[in-house]
Amino acid sequence: MLYLTLRNSLARPARSILTILAVAAILAEILILEGFLAGSYAQLRQTVLHRGGDVIVSQAGVSNFLATRSVLPQQARAEVEAVKGVKASHPLTSLAVIYEKNGRTTPIIVLVYDDAGGPIDIISGREPSGPREIVIDRALAQRYGIGVGDILTLADFDFTISGVSANTAALFTPLAFMNYDSLIDFYFESDVASDIATFPLISFLSVDVENGADPAEVARRIAKQVPSAGAILPHEMASNDVEMGRELLGPILNLLLGISYVIGALAIGMFMFAAVRAQRKSFGVLRALGFNTRHLVTGVLAEAVTTSVLAIPLGILMAVGLAALIEAYAPVYLVLATEPAALWRTGLIAIVLAIVGALAPLQTLRRLDPATAFRG
């Protein structure tokens, strides 16, 4: 029966190919949404983990790296480094600014660092080595057509772009990086000078612990001995930022994903149902030759599973191609279209829906009159 089903599908190659392409396109659309959600969470996680360190120190009560204001007093660094088990601490400052050019505006998160916590993937140029130098994310460079050696003006203060980095964006916002010499000049010479009290000098400390020391224990000591600060492990802060992302993005994106699954279910079921209905004459011939309902159902299920199995890898390839196009056009977005959990879930659902859609006209198969094969 399986052989006859395959032969029947090959006898109508156009219909079979169109069905496979349609199912693959539905799977690709679902994988893109799944990948967009997974990519957004990955960006939030990487933003924290790429800063390095064994412990992250922030303002007391602050447990997020992004979308949260943290201000540490100047003496906090010395107090942290006096804690047993601390080898060194590296200051980080986070600023939210707006870049405007030619009537277009883009929010930017500027990370100020000293000797650790800077960009880890510079695709052109170099790290800032002097004042008035800045590294920008490739999403910002691409959006405004700027690059190494060009001027980036923030609050009427001119920076020279020393490098362009990749994988430095989160919450749909590109990151930029500069050193503390640039920060001091920016505070006193830019338009933010009149409101400088609202800007921090140190937001976080990335802490390296001594060899053999337990980072969790060192974090507890810091929190106990430095009242103005809180201490948390990087992976815990990354998890907190991902959870924040789930609260901000999850409701709408999960709703869109759920709608996509419903639409995909209806579409795949409709394709399979139409495919079975279109073969009533062929099934009538088989019934006239002595095949019973069980044989026909077996053939229908075989065709449904075969269609899904062929559509799944094609859908994955489509999703990977679309993800690459999205990232090339708008690098601020990361689309992880091949997340294993999403692949398994989407593939399994596609097979199940194809089987359900193929079995929908089961009553038609049971009542099928062999004379159908000889009618016009």
Protein backbone atom coordinates (compact mmCIF):
# COMPACT_ATOMS: atom_id res chain seq x y z
CA MET A 1 0.00 0.00 0.00
CA LEU A 2 2.85 2.37 0.80
CA TYR A 3 4.34 1.67 -2.65
CA LEU A 4 1.04 2.46 -4.35
CA THR A 5 0.71 5.67 -2.33
CA LEU A 6 4.15 6.85 -3.33
CA ARG A 7 3.48 5.99 -6.96
CA ASN A 8 0.22 7.91 -6.79
CA SER A 9 2.01 10.96 -5.39
CA LEU A 10 4.66 10.79 -8.09
CA ALA A 11 1.94 10.60 -10.70
CA ARG A 12 0.85 14.09 -9.60
CA PRO A 13 4.22 15.79 -8.97
CA ALA A 14 2.90 19.36 -9.22
CA ARG A 15 0.27 18.82 -6.53
CA SER A 16 2.70 16.95 -4.28
CA ILE A 17 5.41 19.59 -4.62
CA LEU A 18 3.02 22.46 -3.95
CA THR A 19 1.67 20.70 -0.85
CA ILE A 20 5.19 20.11 0.48
CA LEU A 21 6.19 23.73 -0.22
CA ALA A 22 3.06 25.06 1.48
CA VAL A 23 3.62 22.97 4.61
CA ALA A 24 7.32 23.92 4.62
CA ALA A 25 6.45 27.63 4.41
CA ILE A 26 4.11 27.30 7.39
CA LEU A 27 6.81 25.55 9.41
CA ALA A 28 9.38 28.21 8.43
CA GLU A 29 7.09 31.02 9.63
CA ILE A 30 6.60 29.29 12.97
CA LEU A 31 10.33 28.64 13.35
CA ILE A 32 11.11 32.30 12.63
CA LEU A 33 8.82 33.42 15.45
CA GLU A 34 10.24 30.77 17.77
CA GLY A 35 13.75 31.85 16.77
CA PHE A 36 13.02 35.54 17.29
CA LEU A 37 11.85 34.85 20.83
CA ALA A 38 14.83 32.59 21.59
CA GLY A 39 17.22 35.12 20.04
CA SER A 40 15.88 37.98 22.13
CA TYR A 41 16.43 35.98 25.31
CA ALA A 42 19.92 34.95 24.14
CA GLN A 43 20.88 38.60 23.58
CA LEU A 44 19.80 39.49 27.12
CA ARG A 45 21.81 36.58 28.50
CA GLN A 46 24.93 37.35 26.46
CA THR A 47 24.96 41.03 27.39
CA VAL A 48 25.59 40.04 31.00
CA LEU A 49 27.82 37.01 30.48
CA HIS A 50 30.08 38.78 27.97
CA ARG A 51 31.08 41.32 30.60
CA GLY A 52 33.19 38.68 32.33
CA GLY A 53 33.94 38.35 36.04
CA ASP A 54 32.94 35.79 38.65
CA VAL A 55 30.61 38.13 40.56
CA ILE A 56 28.72 41.26 39.52
CA VAL A 57 28.28 43.99 42.11
CA SER A 58 25.46 46.49 41.67
CA GLN A 59 23.54 49.01 43.75
CA ALA A 60 21.82 47.36 46.69
CA GLY A 61 18.46 45.99 45.58
CA VAL A 62 19.33 45.96 41.86
CA SER A 63 19.50 42.50 40.30
CA ASN A 64 19.25 43.32 36.58
CA PHE A 65 21.91 44.57 34.18
CA LEU A 66 19.64 46.13 31.55
CA ALA A 67 16.63 48.42 31.88
CA THR A 68 17.51 49.09 35.53
CA ARG A 69 19.35 52.05 37.01
CA SER A 70 22.30 51.20 39.24
CA VAL A 71 24.59 53.75 40.93
CA LEU A 72 27.50 52.72 43.16
CA PRO A 73 29.37 55.22 45.38
CA GLN A 74 33.03 55.78 44.55
CA GLN A 75 34.26 54.15 47.76
CA ALA A 76 32.36 50.95 46.96
CA ARG A 77 35.18 49.68 44.74
CA ALA A 78 37.77 49.90 47.55
CA GLU A 79 35.32 48.31 49.99
CA VAL A 80 34.62 45.43 47.60
CA GLU A 81 38.31 44.79 46.95
CA ALA A 82 38.89 44.62 50.72
CA VAL A 83 36.52 41.64 51.01
CA LYS A 84 38.21 38.29 51.54
CA GLY A 85 38.37 36.27 48.35
CA VAL A 86 38.22 39.23 45.96
CA LYS A 87 41.18 39.36 43.57
CA ALA A 88 40.23 42.45 41.54
CA SER A 89 37.22 44.50 40.49
CA HIS A 90 36.56 46.23 37.18
CA PRO A 91 34.16 49.20 36.97
CA LEU A 92 31.34 49.37 34.44
CA THR A 93 28.97 52.24 33.80
CA SER A 94 25.72 52.02 31.84
CA LEU A 95 24.21 55.06 30.11
CA ALA A 96 21.02 55.29 28.07
CA VAL A 97 21.35 57.92 25.34
CA ILE A 98 19.64 58.86 22.08
CA TYR A 99 21.50 59.12 18.79
CA GLU A 100 19.96 61.43 16.20
CA LYS A 101 20.98 61.96 12.60
CA ASN A 102 19.09 63.23 9.58
CA GLY A 103 15.82 63.30 11.49
CA ARG A 104 16.12 59.67 12.62
CA THR A 105 16.65 58.67 16.25
CA THR A 106 17.88 55.48 17.87
CA PRO A 107 18.20 54.67 21.58
CA ILE A 108 21.65 53.37 22.53
CA ILE A 109 23.00 51.74 25.66
CA VAL A 110 26.57 52.96 26.20
CA LEU A 111 28.77 50.73 28.35
CA VAL A 112 31.82 52.40 29.85
CA TYR A 113 34.61 50.06 30.88
CA ASP A 114 38.19 50.21 32.10
CA ASP A 115 40.18 47.01 31.51
CA ALA A 116 37.38 44.42 31.32
CA GLY A 117 33.79 44.21 30.13
CA GLY A 118 34.23 45.67 26.66
CA PRO A 119 33.12 44.27 23.29
CA ILE A 120 34.31 40.72 22.62
CA ASP A 121 33.57 40.55 18.88
CA ILE A 122 35.00 43.54 17.02
CA ILE A 123 34.49 42.93 13.31
CA SER A 124 36.33 46.03 12.12
CA GLY A 125 38.65 48.56 13.73
CA ARG A 126 39.78 48.25 17.35
CA GLU A 127 38.80 48.95 20.94
CA PRO A 128 38.82 52.60 22.10
CA SER A 129 42.33 53.44 23.29
CA GLY A 130 41.98 57.13 24.01
CA PRO A 131 39.44 59.82 24.85
CA ARG A 132 36.64 60.62 22.43
CA GLU A 133 36.76 57.15 20.88
CA ILE A 134 33.83 54.75 20.78
CA VAL A 135 32.93 51.29 19.47
CA ILE A 136 29.43 50.90 18.07
CA ASP A 137 27.32 47.89 17.22
CA ARG A 138 27.04 46.97 13.55
CA ALA A 139 23.26 47.55 13.68
CA LEU A 140 23.86 51.25 14.36
CA ALA A 141 26.65 51.41 11.78
CA GLN A 142 24.45 49.82 9.13
CA ARG A 143 21.36 51.90 9.92
CA TYR A 144 23.18 55.22 9.53
CA GLY A 145 25.90 54.24 7.06
CA ILE A 146 28.77 55.05 9.44
CA GLY A 147 31.93 53.14 10.27
CA VAL A 148 35.49 53.26 11.56
CA GLY A 149 36.92 56.77 11.43
CA ASP A 150 33.55 58.51 11.19
CA ILE A 151 32.14 60.89 13.80
CA LEU A 152 29.34 59.85 16.14
CA THR A 153 27.68 62.81 17.85
CA LEU A 154 25.87 62.25 21.15
CA ALA A 155 24.40 65.26 22.97
CA ASP A 156 26.52 67.59 20.78
CA PHE A 157 29.69 65.72 21.81
CA ASP A 158 31.74 64.22 18.98
CA PHE A 159 33.21 60.74 19.26
CA THR A 160 35.46 59.09 16.70
CA ILE A 161 34.34 55.56 15.88
CA SER A 162 37.34 53.30 16.53
CA GLY A 163 35.59 50.00 15.91
CA VAL A 164 32.41 48.19 14.98
CA SER A 165 31.28 45.18 17.01
CA ALA A 166 28.86 42.32 16.44
CA ASN A 167 26.53 40.52 18.86
CA THR A 168 26.23 43.64 21.01
CA ALA A 169 22.53 44.45 21.07
CA ALA A 170 19.66 43.64 23.40
CA LEU A 171 16.02 44.65 23.82
CA PHE A 172 16.10 45.91 20.19
CA THR A 173 18.79 48.40 21.28
CA PRO A 174 22.38 48.54 19.98
CA LEU A 175 25.21 48.85 22.46
CA ALA A 176 28.23 51.16 22.28
CA PHE A 177 31.48 51.06 24.28
CA MET A 178 33.90 53.74 25.48
CA ASN A 179 36.50 54.20 28.23
CA TYR A 180 36.40 56.37 31.35
CA ASP A 181 38.54 59.15 29.85
CA SER A 182 35.80 59.60 27.26
CA LEU A 183 33.11 59.44 29.94
CA ILE A 184 34.60 62.33 31.95
CA ASP A 185 34.96 64.47 28.82
CA PHE A 186 31.43 63.56 27.77
CA TYR A 187 29.98 64.54 31.15
CA PHE A 188 31.68 67.94 31.29
CA GLU A 189 31.64 69.00 27.64
CA SER A 190 28.34 67.68 26.31
CA ASP A 191 24.77 68.89 26.69
CA VAL A 192 24.26 66.54 29.64
CA ALA A 193 26.56 68.65 31.83
CA SER A 194 23.68 70.65 33.31
CA ASP A 195 22.06 67.44 34.51
CA ILE A 196 25.23 65.53 35.36
CA ALA A 197 23.99 64.64 38.86
CA THR A 198 21.59 62.17 37.34
CA PHE A 199 24.36 60.24 35.58
CA PRO A 200 26.40 57.59 37.40
CA LEU A 201 30.19 57.30 37.50
CA ILE A 202 30.05 53.60 38.40
CA SER A 203 27.03 51.38 37.78
CA PHE A 204 28.52 47.92 38.32
CA LEU A 205 31.71 46.16 39.35
CA SER A 206 32.82 42.99 37.59
CA VAL A 207 34.67 41.06 40.27
CA ASP A 208 37.36 38.39 39.83
CA VAL A 209 37.73 36.05 42.79
CA GLU A 210 40.97 34.51 44.02
CA ASN A 211 41.97 31.05 42.86
CA GLY A 212 40.10 28.43 44.84
CA ALA A 213 37.54 30.88 46.21
CA ASP A 214 33.84 30.12 45.87
CA PRO A 215 32.16 32.94 43.88
CA ALA A 216 28.83 32.39 45.67
CA GLU A 217 30.49 32.71 49.08
CA VAL A 218 32.40 35.82 47.98
CA ALA A 219 29.14 37.33 46.74
CA ARG A 220 27.55 36.74 50.14
CA ARG A 221 30.50 38.40 51.88
CA ILE A 222 30.31 41.44 49.61
CA ALA A 223 26.58 41.85 50.22
CA LYS A 224 27.18 41.60 53.97
CA GLN A 225 30.25 43.84 54.26
CA VAL A 226 29.35 46.55 51.71
CA PRO A 227 25.91 47.97 52.69
CA SER A 228 25.56 50.12 49.57
CA ALA A 229 26.05 47.19 47.21
CA GLY A 230 24.46 43.92 46.24
CA ALA A 231 26.35 41.00 44.72
CA ILE A 232 25.11 38.34 42.36
CA LEU A 233 26.63 35.68 40.12
CA PRO A 234 26.67 36.55 36.39
CA HIS A 235 24.47 33.62 35.37
CA GLU A 236 21.90 34.61 38.00
CA MET A 237 21.80 38.20 36.76
CA ALA A 238 21.55 36.90 33.19
CA SER A 239 18.59 34.75 34.25
CA ASN A 240 16.98 37.80 35.84
CA ASP A 241 17.35 39.77 32.61
CA VAL A 242 15.89 36.89 30.60
CA GLU A 243 12.95 36.75 33.00
CA MET A 244 12.50 40.50 32.56
CA GLY A 245 12.50 39.90 28.80
CA ARG A 246 9.84 37.22 29.20
CA GLU A 247 7.64 39.68 31.08
CA LEU A 248 8.14 42.41 28.47
CA LEU A 249 8.13 40.37 25.26
CA GLY A 250 6.54 37.08 26.23
CA PRO A 251 2.84 38.06 26.31
CA ILE A 252 2.64 39.52 22.80
CA LEU A 253 5.15 37.18 21.13
CA ASN A 254 3.66 34.07 22.71
CA LEU A 255 0.23 35.24 21.56
CA LEU A 256 1.53 35.66 18.01
CA LEU A 257 3.20 32.27 18.22
CA GLY A 258 -0.01 30.66 19.44
CA ILE A 259 -1.96 32.26 16.59
CA SER A 260 0.66 30.98 14.14
CA TYR A 261 0.27 27.44 15.47
CA VAL A 262 -3.52 27.65 15.13
CA ILE A 263 -3.31 29.02 11.59
CA GLY A 264 -0.67 26.43 10.74
CA ALA A 265 -2.85 23.66 12.12
CA LEU A 266 -5.83 24.76 10.05
CA ALA A 267 -3.72 25.20 6.90
CA ILE A 268 -1.91 21.86 7.15
CA GLY A 269 -5.15 20.07 7.95
CA MET A 270 -6.84 21.74 4.99
CA PHE A 271 -4.02 20.73 2.63
CA MET A 272 -4.17 17.12 3.74
CA PHE A 273 -7.97 17.04 3.60
CA ALA A 274 -7.96 18.49 0.09
CA ALA A 275 -5.30 16.00 -0.99
CA VAL A 276 -7.46 13.06 0.15
CA ARG A 277 -10.61 14.45 -1.43
CA ALA A 278 -8.77 14.98 -4.72
CA GLN A 279 -7.88 11.29 -4.87
CA ARG A 280 -11.38 9.85 -4.55
CA LYS A 281 -11.24 8.32 -8.02
CA SER A 282 -7.88 6.71 -7.28
CA PHE A 283 -9.25 5.33 -4.03
CA GLY A 284 -12.33 4.11 -5.93
CA VAL A 285 -10.04 2.10 -8.23
CA LEU A 286 -8.29 0.61 -5.22
CA ARG A 287 -11.62 -0.25 -3.63
CA ALA A 288 -12.74 -1.88 -6.91
CA LEU A 289 -9.52 -3.94 -6.86
CA GLY A 290 -10.38 -5.30 -3.43
CA PHE A 291 -8.58 -2.97 -1.03
CA ASN A 292 -10.57 -2.36 2.15
CA THR A 293 -10.90 0.78 4.30
CA ARG A 294 -7.91 -0.18 6.46
CA HIS A 295 -5.69 -0.29 3.40
CA LEU A 296 -6.93 3.10 2.21
CA VAL A 297 -6.39 4.67 5.64
CA THR A 298 -2.88 3.22 5.75
CA GLY A 299 -2.12 4.79 2.38
CA VAL A 300 -3.54 8.15 3.44
CA LEU A 301 -1.47 8.16 6.65
CA ALA A 302 1.64 7.14 4.73
CA GLU A 303 1.21 10.05 2.33
CA ALA A 304 0.58 12.50 5.18
CA VAL A 305 3.68 11.40 7.10
CA THR A 306 5.80 11.40 3.93
CA THR A 307 4.66 14.91 3.07
CA SER A 308 5.52 16.14 6.57
CA VAL A 309 8.89 14.40 6.66
CA LEU A 310 9.84 16.01 3.34
CA ALA A 311 8.47 19.42 4.37
CA ILE A 312 10.29 19.60 7.73
CA PRO A 313 13.90 19.88 6.42
CA LEU A 314 12.74 22.20 3.65
CA GLY A 315 10.98 24.38 6.23
CA ILE A 316 14.15 24.47 8.35
CA LEU A 317 16.20 25.58 5.34
CA MET A 318 13.63 28.29 4.58
CA ALA A 319 13.74 29.48 8.20
CA VAL A 320 17.55 29.58 8.25
CA GLY A 321 17.58 31.58 5.02
CA LEU A 322 14.96 34.02 6.30
CA ALA A 323 16.82 34.40 9.61
CA ALA A 324 20.01 35.25 7.74
CA LEU A 325 18.16 37.85 5.65
CA ILE A 326 16.61 39.43 8.76
CA GLU A 327 19.96 39.66 10.55
CA ALA A 328 21.66 41.04 7.43
CA TYR A 329 18.98 43.71 7.00
CA ALA A 330 18.54 44.51 10.72
CA PRO A 331 21.46 43.18 12.82
CA VAL A 332 19.85 44.44 16.01
CA TYR A 333 17.64 41.33 15.86
CA LEU A 334 18.93 37.83 16.51
CA VAL A 335 16.82 34.95 15.11
CA LEU A 336 17.83 31.49 16.33
CA ALA A 337 15.80 29.50 13.83
CA THR A 338 17.41 26.15 14.67
CA GLU A 339 16.82 25.95 18.40
CA PRO A 340 16.58 22.18 19.11
CA ALA A 341 13.47 22.42 21.31
CA ALA A 342 11.62 24.50 18.70
CA LEU A 343 12.65 22.12 15.91
CA TRP A 344 11.39 19.05 17.74
CA ARG A 345 8.16 20.75 18.81
CA THR A 346 7.37 22.20 15.39
CA GLY A 347 8.27 19.01 13.51
CA LEU A 348 6.19 16.83 15.80
CA ILE A 349 3.22 19.17 15.55
CA ALA A 350 3.50 19.19 11.75
CA ILE A 351 3.36 15.39 11.59
CA VAL A 352 0.44 15.17 14.02
CA LEU A 353 -1.53 17.86 12.17
CA ALA A 354 -0.89 16.20 8.83
CA ILE A 355 -2.22 12.91 10.19
CA VAL A 356 -5.29 14.57 11.71
CA GLY A 357 -5.99 16.43 8.47
CA ALA A 358 -5.60 13.26 6.44
CA LEU A 359 -7.98 11.36 8.72
CA ALA A 360 -10.61 14.11 8.61
CA PRO A 361 -12.33 12.59 5.53
CA LEU A 362 -12.24 9.11 7.08
CA GLN A 363 -16.02 8.77 6.77
CA THR A 364 -15.70 9.48 3.04
CA LEU A 365 -13.22 6.62 2.69
CA ARG A 366 -15.50 4.24 4.56
CA ARG A 367 -18.49 5.01 2.34
CA LEU A 368 -16.51 5.19 -0.86
CA ASP A 369 -18.32 3.47 -3.75
CA PRO A 370 -15.97 1.62 -6.16
CA ALA A 371 -18.19 2.95 -9.00
CA THR A 372 -16.67 6.40 -8.26
CA ALA A 373 -13.67 5.36 -10.33
CA PHE A 374 -15.83 5.02 -13.47
CA ARG A 375 -17.93 8.17 -13.19
CA GLY A 376 -17.18 11.39 -15.04
